């Protein structure tokens, strides 16, 4: 998304109109068949306004996925999110688990090929959330650990929940929590 002052009420209102129009249109057409015109007509904006915010419908799709996953994470987090705690780690794992279950429900078979795009956005948000737990001066040194843990959470839950190869999402989430906690607490890496 281009650099926009999100504090401006007009910008917020236009962005909301674009997002809502996009989601409404997706209820009628799959992403491949959806046009920018479908979105702009529903949002009651012109095409140039759309392009001030997004380069194409795929960037808008990424924005929506990232935003909905960030919202899901924030629903689960309490207290000081910027500090590691067992509670925050468990809540992040539950948020990923629930989000993959949500994607399974809303993603129609015609759009299953778009799942990797959505999943990539989840992994990016997850990685950035984990790096927040480290002081700025230690982030470069600990990036590999955050990257490893984010992929461990993401990959395990993706395989188990999103791809339907796990039995109980709660049990899998507990197992992922135990493994990631061990990695984060290990100071040798």
Protein backbone atom coordinates (compact mmCIF):
# COMPACT_ATOMS: atom_id res chain seq x y z
CA UNK A 1 0.00 0.00 0.00
CA UNK A 2 1.35 3.43 -0.86
CA UNK A 3 2.38 5.85 1.86
CA UNK A 4 -0.84 7.39 3.11
CA UNK A 5 -1.64 9.43 6.19
CA UNK A 6 -3.94 6.98 7.95
CA UNK A 7 -4.92 9.55 10.58
CA UNK A 8 -6.93 11.53 8.02
CA UNK A 9 -10.64 10.64 8.40
CA UNK A 10 -11.23 10.85 4.65
CA UNK A 11 -8.44 8.36 4.05
CA UNK A 12 -9.84 6.04 6.70
CA UNK A 13 -13.33 6.31 5.24
CA UNK A 14 -12.11 5.63 1.68
CA UNK A 15 -9.96 2.70 2.79
CA UNK A 16 -12.92 1.23 4.65
CA UNK A 17 -15.11 1.64 1.57
CA UNK A 18 -12.53 -0.14 -0.61
CA UNK A 19 -12.10 -2.98 1.90
CA UNK A 20 -15.85 -3.44 2.35
CA UNK A 21 -16.51 -3.34 -1.40
CA UNK A 22 -13.77 -5.89 -1.99
CA UNK A 23 -15.11 -8.30 0.63
CA UNK A 24 -18.70 -7.88 -0.61
CA UNK A 25 -17.64 -8.52 -4.21
CA UNK A 26 -15.73 -11.65 -3.13
CA UNK A 27 -19.02 -13.08 -1.92
CA UNK A 28 -20.21 -13.04 -5.52
CA UNK A 29 -17.05 -13.63 -7.57
CA UNK A 30 -13.76 -15.36 -6.97
CA UNK A 31 -10.63 -13.22 -6.90
CA UNK A 32 -9.56 -14.20 -10.42
CA UNK A 33 -12.81 -12.88 -11.93
CA UNK A 34 -13.05 -9.83 -9.70
CA UNK A 35 -12.15 -6.57 -11.43
CA UNK A 36 -11.01 -3.22 -10.09
CA UNK A 37 -14.20 -1.82 -11.61
CA UNK A 38 -16.28 -4.21 -9.45
CA UNK A 39 -14.56 -2.80 -6.38
CA UNK A 40 -14.66 0.87 -7.33
CA UNK A 41 -18.34 0.80 -8.30
CA UNK A 42 -19.29 -0.76 -4.96
CA UNK A 43 -17.04 1.65 -3.05
CA UNK A 44 -18.41 4.59 -5.03
CA UNK A 45 -14.92 5.83 -5.92
CA UNK A 46 -13.09 6.24 -9.19
CA UNK A 47 -10.28 3.98 -10.39
CA UNK A 48 -7.59 6.58 -9.77
CA UNK A 49 -8.62 6.74 -6.11
CA UNK A 50 -8.28 2.96 -5.86
CA UNK A 51 -4.77 3.15 -7.33
CA UNK A 52 -3.76 5.80 -4.79
CA UNK A 53 -4.19 3.10 -2.16
CA UNK A 54 -3.34 -0.17 -3.93
CA UNK A 55 -1.42 -1.18 -7.04
CA UNK A 56 -3.86 -4.00 -7.84
CA UNK A 57 -6.45 -6.35 -6.34
CA UNK A 58 -3.72 -8.69 -5.09
CA UNK A 59 -2.13 -5.99 -2.99
CA UNK A 60 -5.60 -5.26 -1.58
CA UNK A 61 -6.04 -8.99 -0.89
CA UNK A 62 -2.70 -9.07 0.98
CA UNK A 63 -3.72 -5.99 2.95
CA UNK A 64 -7.04 -7.57 3.98
CA UNK A 65 -5.38 -10.84 5.03
CA UNK A 66 -2.68 -9.04 7.02
CA UNK A 67 -5.24 -6.76 8.67
CA UNK A 68 -7.64 -9.57 9.63
CA UNK A 69 -4.82 -11.70 11.04
CA UNK A 70 -3.40 -8.77 13.03
CA UNK A 71 -6.90 -8.19 14.41
CA UNK A 72 -7.18 -11.89 15.36
CA UNK A 73 -3.83 -11.68 17.17
CA UNK A 74 -4.81 -8.53 19.04
CA UNK A 75 -8.06 -10.19 20.16
CA UNK A 76 -5.97 -12.86 21.86
CA UNK A 77 -3.26 -10.72 23.42
CA UNK A 78 -3.50 -9.08 26.78
CA UNK A 79 -1.22 -6.95 28.87
CA UNK A 80 2.08 -5.86 27.38
CA UNK A 81 2.28 -7.48 23.97
CA UNK A 82 5.81 -6.15 23.43
CA UNK A 83 7.25 -8.43 26.11
CA UNK A 84 7.65 -12.19 25.93
CA UNK A 85 5.48 -14.17 28.31
CA UNK A 86 4.15 -17.71 28.21
CA UNK A 87 0.67 -16.22 28.01
CA UNK A 88 1.54 -14.08 24.97
CA UNK A 89 3.23 -17.01 23.21
CA UNK A 90 0.26 -19.29 23.87
CA UNK A 91 -2.14 -16.61 22.68
CA UNK A 92 -0.21 -16.06 19.45
CA UNK A 93 -0.23 -19.80 18.75
CA UNK A 94 -3.99 -19.93 19.40
CA UNK A 95 -4.51 -16.94 17.09
CA UNK A 96 -2.63 -18.68 14.25
CA UNK A 97 -4.56 -21.89 14.88
CA UNK A 98 -7.93 -20.11 14.84
CA UNK A 99 -7.00 -18.07 11.80
CA UNK A 100 -6.13 -21.18 9.78
CA UNK A 101 -9.46 -22.71 10.85
CA UNK A 102 -11.17 -19.48 9.75
CA UNK A 103 -9.41 -19.57 6.36
CA UNK A 104 -10.59 -23.16 5.87
CA UNK A 105 -14.16 -21.99 6.38
CA UNK A 106 -14.15 -18.89 4.18
CA UNK A 107 -11.88 -19.90 1.32
CA UNK A 108 -14.03 -21.47 -1.40
CA UNK A 109 -12.55 -24.32 -3.47
CA UNK A 110 -12.29 -22.03 -6.52
CA UNK A 111 -9.89 -19.79 -4.58
CA UNK A 112 -7.78 -22.48 -2.86
CA UNK A 113 -4.85 -21.52 -5.09
CA UNK A 114 -4.78 -18.18 -3.22
CA UNK A 115 -4.15 -19.83 0.14
CA UNK A 116 -0.34 -19.54 -0.19
CA UNK A 117 -0.69 -15.77 -0.58
CA UNK A 118 -2.77 -15.57 2.60
CA UNK A 119 -0.46 -17.95 4.44
CA UNK A 120 2.60 -15.88 3.51
CA UNK A 121 0.97 -12.79 5.04
CA UNK A 122 0.29 -14.73 8.25
CA UNK A 123 3.93 -15.81 8.47
CA UNK A 124 5.20 -12.24 7.94
CA UNK A 125 2.93 -10.81 10.66
CA UNK A 126 3.90 -13.64 12.99
CA UNK A 127 7.62 -13.03 12.46
CA UNK A 128 7.29 -9.30 13.10
CA UNK A 129 5.27 -9.95 16.27
CA UNK A 130 8.01 -12.22 17.61
CA UNK A 131 10.81 -9.74 16.85
CA UNK A 132 8.99 -7.15 19.01
CA UNK A 133 9.90 -9.23 22.06
CA UNK A 134 13.57 -8.42 21.70
CA UNK A 135 15.15 -5.08 22.60
CA UNK A 136 16.04 -3.10 19.45
CA UNK A 137 19.78 -3.54 20.03
CA UNK A 138 19.39 -7.35 20.19
CA UNK A 139 17.01 -7.82 17.25
CA UNK A 140 19.70 -8.33 14.62
CA UNK A 141 21.40 -11.00 16.71
CA UNK A 142 18.11 -12.76 17.51
CA UNK A 143 16.44 -12.48 14.11
CA UNK A 144 17.37 -16.07 13.27
CA UNK A 145 15.67 -17.32 16.44
CA UNK A 146 12.51 -15.31 15.73
CA UNK A 147 12.55 -16.51 12.12
CA UNK A 148 12.94 -20.13 13.22
CA UNK A 149 10.17 -19.90 15.82
CA UNK A 150 7.78 -18.09 13.46
CA UNK A 151 8.29 -20.78 10.81
CA UNK A 152 7.94 -23.55 13.40
CA UNK A 153 4.59 -22.17 14.57
CA UNK A 154 3.42 -21.36 11.08
CA UNK A 155 4.54 -24.58 9.41
CA UNK A 156 3.30 -26.95 12.07
CA UNK A 157 -0.12 -25.32 12.35
CA UNK A 158 -0.42 -24.98 8.58
CA UNK A 159 0.23 -28.67 8.06
CA UNK A 160 -1.96 -29.76 10.94
CA UNK A 161 -4.91 -27.40 10.63
CA UNK A 162 -4.98 -25.69 7.26
CA UNK A 163 -4.07 -28.84 5.36
CA UNK A 164 -6.24 -31.04 7.57
CA UNK A 165 -3.48 -33.39 8.71
CA UNK A 166 -3.89 -32.92 12.45
CA UNK A 167 -6.43 -34.29 14.82
CA UNK A 168 -7.03 -31.75 17.58
CA UNK A 169 -6.07 -28.07 17.06
CA UNK A 170 -5.87 -27.51 20.83
CA UNK A 171 -3.49 -30.44 21.36
CA UNK A 172 -1.34 -29.41 18.42
CA UNK A 173 -1.21 -25.83 19.72
CA UNK A 174 -0.01 -27.11 23.11
CA UNK A 175 2.74 -29.16 21.46
CA UNK A 176 3.86 -26.21 19.34
CA UNK A 177 3.91 -24.03 22.47
CA UNK A 178 6.18 -26.46 24.33
CA UNK A 179 8.64 -26.67 21.43
CA UNK A 180 8.79 -22.94 20.72
CA UNK A 181 9.16 -22.10 24.39
CA UNK A 182 12.18 -24.41 24.62
CA UNK A 183 13.79 -22.68 21.66
CA UNK A 184 13.14 -19.19 22.97
CA UNK A 185 14.49 -20.03 26.41
CA UNK A 186 17.65 -21.63 25.04
CA UNK A 187 20.37 -18.98 25.27
CA UNK A 188 22.94 -21.09 23.42
CA UNK A 189 21.47 -20.27 20.01
